[in-house]
Amino acid sequence: MLRAPEDRRAPEWSLVQGLIGSRMPSEASSAVADRVLAENGSWDAVAALPLEDLVTALKGVRFPNQSAKRVHGVLGAIRERVGTVDLSLLESMDTSEAVAWIEALPGAGRKIAAQVVNTTTLDQPALVLDTHHLRILARLGLIAAGEDTAKAYDALMPQLPPEWDAATIDEHHMLMKDLGREICTPKNPKCPECPALSLCPTGQSRT
């Protein structure tokens, strides 16, 4: 389950992949990000595309118009702040500073910011909270149902074991995502099969 070092992508790639991946399997949005980068040669070239061409380039995502606007806005904002689509400046920042820098970009929320910091070559400890993870945490009683991602992140990060590095947090996220997809589903969760049943008041009430 651990992400191999060679599977850690550039933060710019992860940023775009996150922006276009709404309600899509990560494998599908990753394939689109790979294709768009290969067809254009660089993220600066993608940023320079007219919006209508970017919509066409993002064929295959669920919301191409919305995704194109988000990518166009975020890449453009990076170019304005840095001069080019390059996030290497984040390497010199601590985790909270890097997360805040990304989150300040238009359309890049806490989940995407944490993803860029944690899962890429930046290799910093930041907890990625997707809808599966948030649902499980709410059923466990660790956060309120419908909790804002940023508030949940701020509440949970200090509770993680201090020895957890970026790779451990990344593995935890992937395990939680699998649990949410296969067992702790939005409707009709398979509570008797859940490995966390002894910790889950919601599951115990259902069984």
N, C-alpha and C. Protein backbone atom coordinates (compact mmCIF):
# COMPACT_ATOMS: atom_id res chain seq x y z
N MET A 1 0.82 -1.20 0.00
CA MET A 1 0.00 0.00 0.00
C MET A 1 0.86 1.26 0.00
N LEU A 2 2.11 1.15 0.51
CA LEU A 2 2.98 2.32 0.52
C LEU A 2 3.28 2.78 -0.90
N ARG A 3 3.27 4.09 -1.10
CA ARG A 3 3.59 4.67 -2.39
C ARG A 3 5.11 4.60 -2.57
N ALA A 4 5.57 3.98 -3.64
CA ALA A 4 7.01 3.88 -3.89
C ALA A 4 7.57 5.27 -4.20
N PRO A 5 8.84 5.52 -3.84
CA PRO A 5 9.43 6.84 -4.11
C PRO A 5 9.31 7.26 -5.57
N GLU A 6 9.44 6.31 -6.48
CA GLU A 6 9.37 6.66 -7.90
C GLU A 6 7.94 7.01 -8.34
N ASP A 7 6.95 6.71 -7.49
CA ASP A 7 5.56 7.05 -7.81
C ASP A 7 5.17 8.43 -7.30
N ARG A 8 6.08 9.08 -6.60
CA ARG A 8 5.81 10.44 -6.13
C ARG A 8 6.03 11.41 -7.29
N ARG A 9 4.98 12.09 -7.69
CA ARG A 9 5.04 12.94 -8.87
C ARG A 9 5.42 14.37 -8.49
N ALA A 10 5.64 15.19 -9.50
CA ALA A 10 5.94 16.60 -9.28
C ALA A 10 4.72 17.29 -8.68
N PRO A 11 4.92 18.27 -7.80
CA PRO A 11 3.77 18.93 -7.17
C PRO A 11 2.86 19.63 -8.17
N GLU A 12 3.40 20.14 -9.27
CA GLU A 12 2.56 20.80 -10.28
C GLU A 12 1.58 19.81 -10.90
N TRP A 13 2.07 18.60 -11.17
CA TRP A 13 1.21 17.55 -11.73
C TRP A 13 0.11 17.20 -10.74
N SER A 14 0.47 17.02 -9.48
CA SER A 14 -0.51 16.65 -8.46
C SER A 14 -1.56 17.72 -8.29
N LEU A 15 -1.15 18.98 -8.40
CA LEU A 15 -2.10 20.08 -8.30
C LEU A 15 -3.14 20.01 -9.40
N VAL A 16 -2.71 19.83 -10.63
CA VAL A 16 -3.65 19.75 -11.75
C VAL A 16 -4.52 18.51 -11.63
N GLN A 17 -3.93 17.39 -11.29
CA GLN A 17 -4.69 16.16 -11.13
C GLN A 17 -5.79 16.31 -10.09
N GLY A 18 -5.48 17.01 -9.00
CA GLY A 18 -6.48 17.25 -7.98
C GLY A 18 -7.58 18.18 -8.45
N LEU A 19 -7.22 19.18 -9.22
CA LEU A 19 -8.20 20.16 -9.69
C LEU A 19 -9.21 19.56 -10.67
N ILE A 20 -8.79 18.56 -11.44
CA ILE A 20 -9.68 17.97 -12.45
C ILE A 20 -10.36 16.70 -11.99
N GLY A 21 -10.04 16.25 -10.76
CA GLY A 21 -10.46 14.91 -10.35
C GLY A 21 -11.77 14.82 -9.61
N SER A 22 -12.60 15.87 -9.64
CA SER A 22 -13.85 15.84 -8.90
C SER A 22 -14.75 14.70 -9.37
N ARG A 23 -15.14 13.84 -8.42
CA ARG A 23 -16.05 12.72 -8.67
C ARG A 23 -15.54 11.78 -9.76
N MET A 24 -14.24 11.61 -9.80
CA MET A 24 -13.63 10.68 -10.75
C MET A 24 -12.68 9.74 -9.99
N PRO A 25 -12.52 8.51 -10.46
CA PRO A 25 -11.45 7.66 -9.90
C PRO A 25 -10.11 8.33 -10.14
N SER A 26 -9.22 8.22 -9.18
CA SER A 26 -7.92 8.87 -9.31
C SER A 26 -7.15 8.36 -10.52
N GLU A 27 -7.37 7.10 -10.88
CA GLU A 27 -6.68 6.56 -12.05
C GLU A 27 -7.09 7.30 -13.32
N ALA A 28 -8.38 7.64 -13.42
CA ALA A 28 -8.88 8.32 -14.61
C ALA A 28 -8.36 9.75 -14.68
N SER A 29 -8.42 10.48 -13.57
CA SER A 29 -7.93 11.86 -13.59
C SER A 29 -6.42 11.92 -13.78
N SER A 30 -5.71 10.91 -13.28
CA SER A 30 -4.26 10.85 -13.49
C SER A 30 -3.93 10.66 -14.96
N ALA A 31 -4.72 9.82 -15.63
CA ALA A 31 -4.49 9.58 -17.05
C ALA A 31 -4.72 10.85 -17.86
N VAL A 32 -5.75 11.63 -17.50
CA VAL A 32 -6.00 12.89 -18.20
C VAL A 32 -4.87 13.88 -17.95
N ALA A 33 -4.41 13.98 -16.71
CA ALA A 33 -3.30 14.89 -16.40
C ALA A 33 -2.05 14.51 -17.19
N ASP A 34 -1.77 13.21 -17.27
CA ASP A 34 -0.61 12.74 -18.04
C ASP A 34 -0.75 13.12 -19.52
N ARG A 35 -1.94 12.91 -20.06
CA ARG A 35 -2.15 13.19 -21.48
C ARG A 35 -2.03 14.68 -21.78
N VAL A 36 -2.63 15.51 -20.95
CA VAL A 36 -2.58 16.96 -21.19
C VAL A 36 -1.14 17.47 -21.12
N LEU A 37 -0.38 16.97 -20.17
CA LEU A 37 1.02 17.40 -20.06
C LEU A 37 1.82 16.91 -21.26
N ALA A 38 1.60 15.67 -21.67
CA ALA A 38 2.34 15.13 -22.81
C ALA A 38 2.01 15.88 -24.10
N GLU A 39 0.74 16.23 -24.28
CA GLU A 39 0.32 16.91 -25.52
C GLU A 39 0.83 18.34 -25.60
N ASN A 40 1.05 18.98 -24.45
CA ASN A 40 1.45 20.39 -24.44
C ASN A 40 2.90 20.62 -24.06
N GLY A 41 3.53 19.64 -23.47
CA GLY A 41 4.96 19.73 -23.20
C GLY A 41 5.35 20.33 -21.87
N SER A 42 4.52 21.20 -21.30
CA SER A 42 4.83 21.81 -20.00
C SER A 42 3.55 22.40 -19.43
N TRP A 43 3.56 22.62 -18.12
CA TRP A 43 2.39 23.25 -17.50
C TRP A 43 2.30 24.72 -17.85
N ASP A 44 3.43 25.35 -18.20
CA ASP A 44 3.37 26.72 -18.68
C ASP A 44 2.61 26.79 -20.00
N ALA A 45 2.83 25.81 -20.86
CA ALA A 45 2.11 25.77 -22.13
C ALA A 45 0.62 25.52 -21.89
N VAL A 46 0.29 24.68 -20.91
CA VAL A 46 -1.12 24.45 -20.57
C VAL A 46 -1.74 25.75 -20.05
N ALA A 47 -1.00 26.48 -19.21
CA ALA A 47 -1.51 27.74 -18.66
C ALA A 47 -1.77 28.77 -19.75
N ALA A 48 -1.01 28.68 -20.84
CA ALA A 48 -1.13 29.66 -21.93
C ALA A 48 -2.25 29.32 -22.90
N LEU A 49 -2.86 28.15 -22.77
CA LEU A 49 -3.96 27.78 -23.68
C LEU A 49 -5.16 28.69 -23.48
N PRO A 50 -5.83 29.09 -24.55
CA PRO A 50 -7.12 29.76 -24.39
C PRO A 50 -8.08 28.84 -23.64
N LEU A 51 -8.98 29.42 -22.89
CA LEU A 51 -9.85 28.62 -22.04
C LEU A 51 -10.63 27.58 -22.83
N GLU A 52 -11.12 27.94 -24.01
CA GLU A 52 -11.90 26.98 -24.79
C GLU A 52 -11.04 25.80 -25.25
N ASP A 53 -9.76 26.06 -25.53
CA ASP A 53 -8.86 24.97 -25.91
C ASP A 53 -8.54 24.08 -24.71
N LEU A 54 -8.49 24.68 -23.53
CA LEU A 54 -8.24 23.89 -22.33
C LEU A 54 -9.43 22.99 -22.03
N VAL A 55 -10.62 23.48 -22.28
CA VAL A 55 -11.82 22.64 -22.11
C VAL A 55 -11.71 21.41 -23.01
N THR A 56 -11.32 21.62 -24.27
CA THR A 56 -11.15 20.52 -25.21
C THR A 56 -10.05 19.57 -24.76
N ALA A 57 -8.96 20.13 -24.24
CA ALA A 57 -7.83 19.31 -23.80
C ALA A 57 -8.20 18.42 -22.62
N LEU A 58 -9.17 18.87 -21.82
CA LEU A 58 -9.57 18.11 -20.64
C LEU A 58 -10.70 17.13 -20.93
N LYS A 59 -10.87 16.77 -22.18
CA LYS A 59 -11.86 15.76 -22.53
C LYS A 59 -11.61 14.50 -21.71
N GLY A 60 -12.66 14.00 -21.11
CA GLY A 60 -12.52 12.79 -20.30
C GLY A 60 -12.79 13.04 -18.83
N VAL A 61 -12.71 14.30 -18.38
CA VAL A 61 -13.05 14.58 -16.99
C VAL A 61 -14.55 14.80 -16.88
N ARG A 62 -15.09 14.70 -15.68
CA ARG A 62 -16.55 14.76 -15.53
C ARG A 62 -17.10 16.16 -15.74
N PHE A 63 -16.33 17.17 -15.36
CA PHE A 63 -16.81 18.55 -15.47
C PHE A 63 -15.75 19.38 -16.20
N PRO A 64 -15.62 19.20 -17.52
CA PRO A 64 -14.53 19.85 -18.25
C PRO A 64 -14.57 21.37 -18.21
N ASN A 65 -15.74 21.98 -18.28
CA ASN A 65 -15.80 23.44 -18.25
C ASN A 65 -15.35 23.99 -16.90
N GLN A 66 -15.88 23.42 -15.85
CA GLN A 66 -15.51 23.85 -14.50
C GLN A 66 -14.03 23.57 -14.23
N SER A 67 -13.58 22.37 -14.64
CA SER A 67 -12.19 22.01 -14.41
C SER A 67 -11.23 22.91 -15.17
N ALA A 68 -11.59 23.25 -16.41
CA ALA A 68 -10.74 24.13 -17.21
C ALA A 68 -10.60 25.50 -16.56
N LYS A 69 -11.70 26.03 -16.02
CA LYS A 69 -11.64 27.33 -15.35
C LYS A 69 -10.75 27.26 -14.12
N ARG A 70 -10.85 26.17 -13.37
CA ARG A 70 -10.04 26.02 -12.16
C ARG A 70 -8.55 25.91 -12.51
N VAL A 71 -8.23 25.05 -13.49
CA VAL A 71 -6.83 24.87 -13.89
C VAL A 71 -6.27 26.18 -14.45
N HIS A 72 -7.05 26.82 -15.30
CA HIS A 72 -6.62 28.08 -15.91
C HIS A 72 -6.33 29.12 -14.84
N GLY A 73 -7.23 29.22 -13.85
CA GLY A 73 -7.06 30.21 -12.80
C GLY A 73 -5.88 29.92 -11.89
N VAL A 74 -5.73 28.66 -11.51
CA VAL A 74 -4.66 28.29 -10.59
C VAL A 74 -3.28 28.41 -11.26
N LEU A 75 -3.14 27.86 -12.47
CA LEU A 75 -1.85 27.95 -13.15
C LEU A 75 -1.50 29.41 -13.44
N GLY A 76 -2.52 30.19 -13.81
CA GLY A 76 -2.27 31.60 -14.06
C GLY A 76 -1.83 32.33 -12.80
N ALA A 77 -2.43 31.97 -11.66
CA ALA A 77 -2.05 32.60 -10.39
C ALA A 77 -0.61 32.24 -10.01
N ILE A 78 -0.21 31.01 -10.26
CA ILE A 78 1.17 30.62 -9.97
C ILE A 78 2.14 31.41 -10.84
N ARG A 79 1.81 31.55 -12.12
CA ARG A 79 2.68 32.33 -13.01
C ARG A 79 2.79 33.78 -12.56
N GLU A 80 1.69 34.33 -12.07
CA GLU A 80 1.74 35.71 -11.59
C GLU A 80 2.62 35.83 -10.35
N ARG A 81 2.56 34.84 -9.48
CA ARG A 81 3.30 34.92 -8.22
C ARG A 81 4.76 34.51 -8.35
N VAL A 82 5.02 33.55 -9.26
CA VAL A 82 6.37 32.97 -9.34
C VAL A 82 7.06 33.34 -10.65
N GLY A 83 6.28 33.59 -11.72
CA GLY A 83 6.84 33.86 -13.03
C GLY A 83 6.76 32.69 -13.97
N THR A 84 6.55 31.50 -13.41
CA THR A 84 6.42 30.27 -14.20
C THR A 84 5.65 29.27 -13.36
N VAL A 85 5.15 28.21 -13.99
CA VAL A 85 4.43 27.19 -13.23
C VAL A 85 5.46 26.27 -12.59
N ASP A 86 5.92 26.67 -11.42
CA ASP A 86 6.99 25.96 -10.72
C ASP A 86 6.73 26.09 -9.22
N LEU A 87 6.56 24.97 -8.55
CA LEU A 87 6.28 24.97 -7.12
C LEU A 87 7.48 24.57 -6.28
N SER A 88 8.67 24.64 -6.86
CA SER A 88 9.86 24.24 -6.11
C SER A 88 10.11 25.14 -4.91
N LEU A 89 9.54 26.35 -4.90
CA LEU A 89 9.72 27.23 -3.75
C LEU A 89 9.13 26.63 -2.48
N LEU A 90 8.19 25.70 -2.62
CA LEU A 90 7.57 25.07 -1.46
C LEU A 90 8.55 24.18 -0.70
N GLU A 91 9.62 23.77 -1.35
CA GLU A 91 10.58 22.88 -0.71
C GLU A 91 11.23 23.52 0.51
N SER A 92 11.35 24.84 0.51
CA SER A 92 12.00 25.53 1.62
C SER A 92 11.02 25.91 2.73
N MET A 93 9.73 25.63 2.55
CA MET A 93 8.72 25.98 3.54
C MET A 93 8.42 24.81 4.45
N ASP A 94 7.97 25.10 5.69
CA ASP A 94 7.49 24.01 6.52
C ASP A 94 6.09 23.62 6.03
N THR A 95 5.57 22.53 6.58
CA THR A 95 4.33 21.96 6.04
C THR A 95 3.17 22.94 6.10
N SER A 96 2.96 23.57 7.23
CA SER A 96 1.81 24.47 7.36
C SER A 96 1.93 25.66 6.42
N GLU A 97 3.13 26.16 6.23
CA GLU A 97 3.34 27.29 5.32
C GLU A 97 3.08 26.88 3.87
N ALA A 98 3.55 25.68 3.50
CA ALA A 98 3.35 25.20 2.13
C ALA A 98 1.87 24.95 1.85
N VAL A 99 1.16 24.36 2.81
CA VAL A 99 -0.27 24.12 2.65
C VAL A 99 -1.01 25.45 2.48
N ALA A 100 -0.67 26.44 3.30
CA ALA A 100 -1.33 27.74 3.21
C ALA A 100 -1.05 28.43 1.88
N TRP A 101 0.16 28.27 1.36
CA TRP A 101 0.53 28.90 0.08
C TRP A 101 -0.34 28.34 -1.04
N ILE A 102 -0.49 27.02 -1.07
CA ILE A 102 -1.29 26.39 -2.12
C ILE A 102 -2.76 26.72 -1.95
N GLU A 103 -3.23 26.69 -0.71
CA GLU A 103 -4.64 26.92 -0.45
C GLU A 103 -5.06 28.35 -0.82
N ALA A 104 -4.11 29.26 -0.85
CA ALA A 104 -4.41 30.64 -1.23
C ALA A 104 -4.63 30.80 -2.73
N LEU A 105 -4.30 29.78 -3.51
CA LEU A 105 -4.55 29.84 -4.95
C LEU A 105 -6.05 29.70 -5.22
N PRO A 106 -6.59 30.37 -6.21
CA PRO A 106 -8.03 30.32 -6.45
C PRO A 106 -8.49 28.93 -6.87
N GLY A 107 -9.39 28.35 -6.09
CA GLY A 107 -9.92 27.03 -6.45
C GLY A 107 -9.17 25.86 -5.86
N ALA A 108 -8.10 26.12 -5.11
CA ALA A 108 -7.33 25.04 -4.49
C ALA A 108 -7.62 25.02 -2.99
N GLY A 109 -8.45 24.11 -2.54
CA GLY A 109 -8.81 24.03 -1.13
C GLY A 109 -7.81 23.23 -0.32
N ARG A 110 -8.19 22.93 0.93
CA ARG A 110 -7.29 22.24 1.84
C ARG A 110 -6.95 20.82 1.38
N LYS A 111 -7.93 20.10 0.84
CA LYS A 111 -7.65 18.74 0.39
C LYS A 111 -6.57 18.74 -0.68
N ILE A 112 -6.72 19.59 -1.69
CA ILE A 112 -5.73 19.64 -2.77
C ILE A 112 -4.39 20.12 -2.25
N ALA A 113 -4.40 21.11 -1.36
CA ALA A 113 -3.15 21.61 -0.80
C ALA A 113 -2.41 20.50 -0.05
N ALA A 114 -3.13 19.75 0.76
CA ALA A 114 -2.51 18.65 1.50
C ALA A 114 -2.01 17.57 0.56
N GLN A 115 -2.78 17.28 -0.49
CA GLN A 115 -2.37 16.28 -1.48
C GLN A 115 -1.06 16.67 -2.15
N VAL A 116 -0.96 17.93 -2.55
CA VAL A 116 0.24 18.41 -3.22
C VAL A 116 1.45 18.30 -2.30
N VAL A 117 1.28 18.63 -1.04
CA VAL A 117 2.39 18.61 -0.08
C VAL A 117 2.77 17.19 0.30
N ASN A 118 1.76 16.33 0.49
CA ASN A 118 2.02 15.01 1.06
C ASN A 118 2.42 13.95 0.05
N THR A 119 1.75 13.89 -1.09
CA THR A 119 1.89 12.72 -1.98
C THR A 119 2.96 12.89 -3.06
N THR A 120 3.58 14.05 -3.12
CA THR A 120 4.52 14.34 -4.20
C THR A 120 5.96 14.28 -3.72
N THR A 121 6.85 14.75 -4.55
CA THR A 121 8.26 14.80 -4.19
C THR A 121 8.54 15.77 -3.04
N LEU A 122 7.57 16.61 -2.68
CA LEU A 122 7.73 17.47 -1.51
C LEU A 122 7.79 16.64 -0.23
N ASP A 123 7.02 15.52 -0.20
CA ASP A 123 7.17 14.51 0.85
C ASP A 123 7.05 15.10 2.26
N GLN A 124 5.98 15.87 2.49
CA GLN A 124 5.77 16.49 3.80
C GLN A 124 4.51 15.93 4.45
N PRO A 125 4.47 15.86 5.79
CA PRO A 125 3.34 15.24 6.49
C PRO A 125 2.11 16.14 6.53
N ALA A 126 1.17 15.87 5.65
CA ALA A 126 -0.11 16.60 5.61
C ALA A 126 -1.21 15.60 5.34
N LEU A 127 -2.29 15.68 6.10
CA LEU A 127 -3.36 14.69 6.02
C LEU A 127 -4.35 15.04 4.90
N VAL A 128 -4.47 14.16 3.93
CA VAL A 128 -5.40 14.35 2.81
C VAL A 128 -6.76 13.81 3.24
N LEU A 129 -7.76 14.67 3.22
CA LEU A 129 -9.10 14.29 3.66
C LEU A 129 -10.08 14.38 2.49
N ASP A 130 -10.45 13.21 1.93
CA ASP A 130 -11.45 13.21 0.88
C ASP A 130 -12.81 12.87 1.49
N THR A 131 -13.83 12.73 0.65
CA THR A 131 -15.18 12.49 1.16
C THR A 131 -15.28 11.15 1.90
N HIS A 132 -14.55 10.13 1.45
CA HIS A 132 -14.56 8.84 2.14
C HIS A 132 -14.00 9.00 3.54
N HIS A 133 -12.85 9.64 3.63
CA HIS A 133 -12.16 9.82 4.90
C HIS A 133 -13.03 10.62 5.88
N LEU A 134 -13.62 11.70 5.40
CA LEU A 134 -14.46 12.53 6.26
C LEU A 134 -15.69 11.77 6.75
N ARG A 135 -16.29 10.96 5.88
CA ARG A 135 -17.47 10.19 6.27
C ARG A 135 -17.11 9.19 7.37
N ILE A 136 -15.99 8.51 7.22
CA ILE A 136 -15.58 7.53 8.23
C ILE A 136 -15.28 8.22 9.56
N LEU A 137 -14.58 9.33 9.51
CA LEU A 137 -14.24 10.05 10.74
C LEU A 137 -15.49 10.53 11.46
N ALA A 138 -16.50 10.97 10.69
CA ALA A 138 -17.75 11.40 11.32
C ALA A 138 -18.47 10.22 11.96
N ARG A 139 -18.49 9.07 11.31
CA ARG A 139 -19.14 7.90 11.89
C ARG A 139 -18.39 7.39 13.11
N LEU A 140 -17.09 7.61 13.15
CA LEU A 140 -16.30 7.25 14.32
C LEU A 140 -16.50 8.25 15.47
N GLY A 141 -17.11 9.37 15.16
CA GLY A 141 -17.34 10.39 16.17
C GLY A 141 -16.16 11.31 16.41
N LEU A 142 -15.20 11.31 15.48
CA LEU A 142 -14.01 12.13 15.64
C LEU A 142 -14.21 13.55 15.13
N ILE A 143 -15.14 13.73 14.20
CA ILE A 143 -15.51 15.06 13.71
C ILE A 143 -17.03 15.09 13.58
N ALA A 144 -17.58 16.28 13.42
CA ALA A 144 -19.02 16.40 13.21
C ALA A 144 -19.38 16.01 11.78
N ALA A 145 -20.56 15.48 11.60
CA ALA A 145 -21.03 15.17 10.25
C ALA A 145 -21.09 16.44 9.43
N GLY A 146 -20.57 16.40 8.20
CA GLY A 146 -20.56 17.57 7.34
C GLY A 146 -19.50 18.59 7.71
N GLU A 147 -18.53 18.19 8.52
CA GLU A 147 -17.48 19.12 8.95
C GLU A 147 -16.70 19.66 7.76
N ASP A 148 -16.36 20.93 7.80
CA ASP A 148 -15.52 21.54 6.79
C ASP A 148 -14.15 20.88 6.77
N THR A 149 -13.61 20.66 5.55
CA THR A 149 -12.34 19.95 5.42
C THR A 149 -11.22 20.64 6.17
N ALA A 150 -11.13 21.95 6.07
CA ALA A 150 -10.05 22.68 6.74
C ALA A 150 -10.17 22.55 8.26
N LYS A 151 -11.39 22.63 8.79
CA LYS A 151 -11.57 22.50 10.23
C LYS A 151 -11.22 21.08 10.70
N ALA A 152 -11.63 20.08 9.91
CA ALA A 152 -11.29 18.70 10.26
C ALA A 152 -9.78 18.50 10.24
N TYR A 153 -9.13 19.04 9.23
CA TYR A 153 -7.66 18.95 9.14
C TYR A 153 -7.00 19.57 10.36
N ASP A 154 -7.43 20.77 10.72
CA ASP A 154 -6.82 21.47 11.85
C ASP A 154 -7.04 20.73 13.16
N ALA A 155 -8.17 20.03 13.28
CA ALA A 155 -8.46 19.28 14.49
C ALA A 155 -7.67 17.97 14.56
N LEU A 156 -7.46 17.34 13.41
CA LEU A 156 -6.89 16.00 13.39
C LEU A 156 -5.36 15.98 13.30
N MET A 157 -4.77 16.92 12.60
CA MET A 157 -3.32 16.89 12.44
C MET A 157 -2.58 16.83 13.77
N PRO A 158 -2.95 17.61 14.78
CA PRO A 158 -2.22 17.53 16.05
C PRO A 158 -2.39 16.19 16.78
N GLN A 159 -3.41 15.40 16.39
CA GLN A 159 -3.65 14.13 17.06
C GLN A 159 -2.90 12.97 16.42
N LEU A 160 -2.30 13.18 15.24
CA LEU A 160 -1.57 12.10 14.60
C LEU A 160 -0.31 11.77 15.41
N PRO A 161 0.06 10.50 15.45
CA PRO A 161 1.29 10.14 16.16
C PRO A 161 2.48 10.94 15.63
N PRO A 162 3.32 11.47 16.50
CA PRO A 162 4.42 12.33 16.06
C PRO A 162 5.42 11.62 15.16
N GLU A 163 5.47 10.28 15.24
CA GLU A 163 6.42 9.54 14.41
C GLU A 163 5.91 9.30 12.99
N TRP A 164 4.66 9.65 12.71
CA TRP A 164 4.12 9.44 11.36
C TRP A 164 4.76 10.43 10.39
N ASP A 165 5.42 9.90 9.37
CA ASP A 165 5.99 10.75 8.33
C ASP A 165 5.01 10.86 7.17
N ALA A 166 5.43 11.52 6.10
CA ALA A 166 4.54 11.73 4.96
C ALA A 166 4.07 10.40 4.36
N ALA A 167 4.97 9.42 4.25
CA ALA A 167 4.60 8.14 3.66
C ALA A 167 3.57 7.41 4.51
N THR A 168 3.70 7.48 5.83
CA THR A 168 2.74 6.82 6.72
C THR A 168 1.37 7.47 6.61
N ILE A 169 1.34 8.80 6.58
CA ILE A 169 0.07 9.52 6.44
C ILE A 169 -0.56 9.21 5.09
N ASP A 170 0.25 9.13 4.06
CA ASP A 170 -0.24 8.79 2.72
C ASP A 170 -0.85 7.39 2.72
N GLU A 171 -0.18 6.43 3.35
CA GLU A 171 -0.71 5.07 3.42
C GLU A 171 -2.02 5.05 4.21
N HIS A 172 -2.07 5.79 5.31
CA HIS A 172 -3.30 5.89 6.09
C HIS A 172 -4.46 6.41 5.23
N HIS A 173 -4.19 7.44 4.44
CA HIS A 173 -5.24 7.99 3.58
C HIS A 173 -5.73 6.96 2.57
N MET A 174 -4.82 6.24 1.95
CA MET A 174 -5.22 5.26 0.94
C MET A 174 -6.02 4.12 1.57
N LEU A 175 -5.64 3.71 2.78
CA LEU A 175 -6.39 2.67 3.48
C LEU A 175 -7.79 3.15 3.84
N MET A 176 -7.90 4.39 4.29
CA MET A 176 -9.21 4.94 4.62
C MET A 176 -10.08 5.07 3.37
N LYS A 177 -9.47 5.45 2.27
CA LYS A 177 -10.23 5.56 1.02
C LYS A 177 -10.76 4.19 0.60
N ASP A 178 -9.93 3.16 0.70
CA ASP A 178 -10.38 1.82 0.36
C ASP A 178 -11.50 1.36 1.30
N LEU A 179 -11.37 1.67 2.57
CA LEU A 179 -12.41 1.31 3.54
C LEU A 179 -13.73 1.99 3.18
N GLY A 180 -13.65 3.27 2.77
CA GLY A 180 -14.85 3.99 2.40
C GLY A 180 -15.49 3.49 1.12
N ARG A 181 -14.67 3.03 0.20
CA ARG A 181 -15.20 2.52 -1.07
C ARG A 181 -15.84 1.14 -0.91
N GLU A 182 -15.24 0.31 -0.07
CA GLU A 182 -15.62 -1.10 -0.03
C GLU A 182 -16.53 -1.47 1.14
N ILE A 183 -16.38 -0.80 2.28
CA ILE A 183 -17.13 -1.21 3.47
C ILE A 183 -17.94 -0.06 4.06
N CYS A 184 -17.30 1.05 4.38
CA CYS A 184 -18.00 2.18 5.00
C CYS A 184 -18.55 3.09 3.92
N THR A 185 -19.45 2.52 3.12
CA THR A 185 -20.01 3.21 1.96
C THR A 185 -21.05 4.25 2.39
N PRO A 186 -21.36 5.22 1.52
CA PRO A 186 -22.34 6.24 1.89
C PRO A 186 -23.69 5.66 2.29
N LYS A 187 -24.16 4.66 1.54
CA LYS A 187 -25.42 4.00 1.85
C LYS A 187 -25.16 2.52 2.11
N ASN A 188 -25.89 1.97 3.05
CA ASN A 188 -25.80 0.55 3.38
C ASN A 188 -24.37 0.09 3.68
N PRO A 189 -23.69 0.74 4.63
CA PRO A 189 -22.33 0.29 4.98
C PRO A 189 -22.35 -1.13 5.54
N LYS A 190 -21.26 -1.86 5.28
CA LYS A 190 -21.16 -3.24 5.72
C LYS A 190 -20.51 -3.29 7.11
N CYS A 191 -21.23 -2.76 8.08
CA CYS A 191 -20.66 -2.60 9.42
C CYS A 191 -20.14 -3.89 10.05
N PRO A 192 -20.85 -5.04 9.92
CA PRO A 192 -20.32 -6.26 10.54
C PRO A 192 -18.95 -6.68 9.99
N GLU A 193 -18.61 -6.23 8.78
CA GLU A 193 -17.33 -6.60 8.18
C GLU A 193 -16.22 -5.59 8.47
N CYS A 194 -16.55 -4.51 9.16
CA CYS A 194 -15.61 -3.40 9.30
C CYS A 194 -14.54 -3.69 10.35
N PRO A 195 -13.27 -3.51 10.02
CA PRO A 195 -12.19 -3.74 11.00
C PRO A 195 -12.18 -2.71 12.11
N ALA A 196 -12.91 -1.60 11.93
CA ALA A 196 -12.94 -0.56 12.96
C ALA A 196 -14.25 -0.58 13.76
N LEU A 197 -15.00 -1.68 13.67
CA LEU A 197 -16.31 -1.73 14.32
C LEU A 197 -16.21 -1.49 15.82
N SER A 198 -15.19 -2.01 16.47
CA SER A 198 -15.06 -1.87 17.92
C SER A 198 -14.82 -0.42 18.34
N LEU A 199 -14.42 0.43 17.39
CA LEU A 199 -14.14 1.84 17.68
C LEU A 199 -15.26 2.76 17.21
N CYS A 200 -16.27 2.19 16.55
CA CYS A 200 -17.25 3.01 15.83
C CYS A 200 -18.62 2.97 16.48
N PRO A 201 -19.06 4.03 17.14
CA PRO A 201 -20.40 4.03 17.73
C PRO A 201 -21.49 3.93 16.68
N THR A 202 -21.28 4.49 15.50
CA THR A 202 -22.28 4.40 14.45
C THR A 202 -22.47 2.95 14.03
N GLY A 203 -21.36 2.26 13.78
CA GLY A 203 -21.43 0.86 13.36
C GLY A 203 -22.03 -0.03 14.43
N GLN A 204 -21.67 0.23 15.68
CA GLN A 204 -22.21 -0.57 16.78
C GLN A 204 -23.71 -0.39 16.91
N SER A 205 -24.21 0.83 16.69
CA SER A 205 -25.65 1.07 16.75
C SER A 205 -26.39 0.38 15.62
N ARG A 206 -25.71 0.21 14.50
CA ARG A 206 -26.33 -0.42 13.33
C ARG A 206 -26.33 -1.94 13.43
N THR A 207 -25.46 -2.49 14.28
CA THR A 207 -25.35 -3.94 14.38
C THR A 207 -25.90 -4.44 15.70
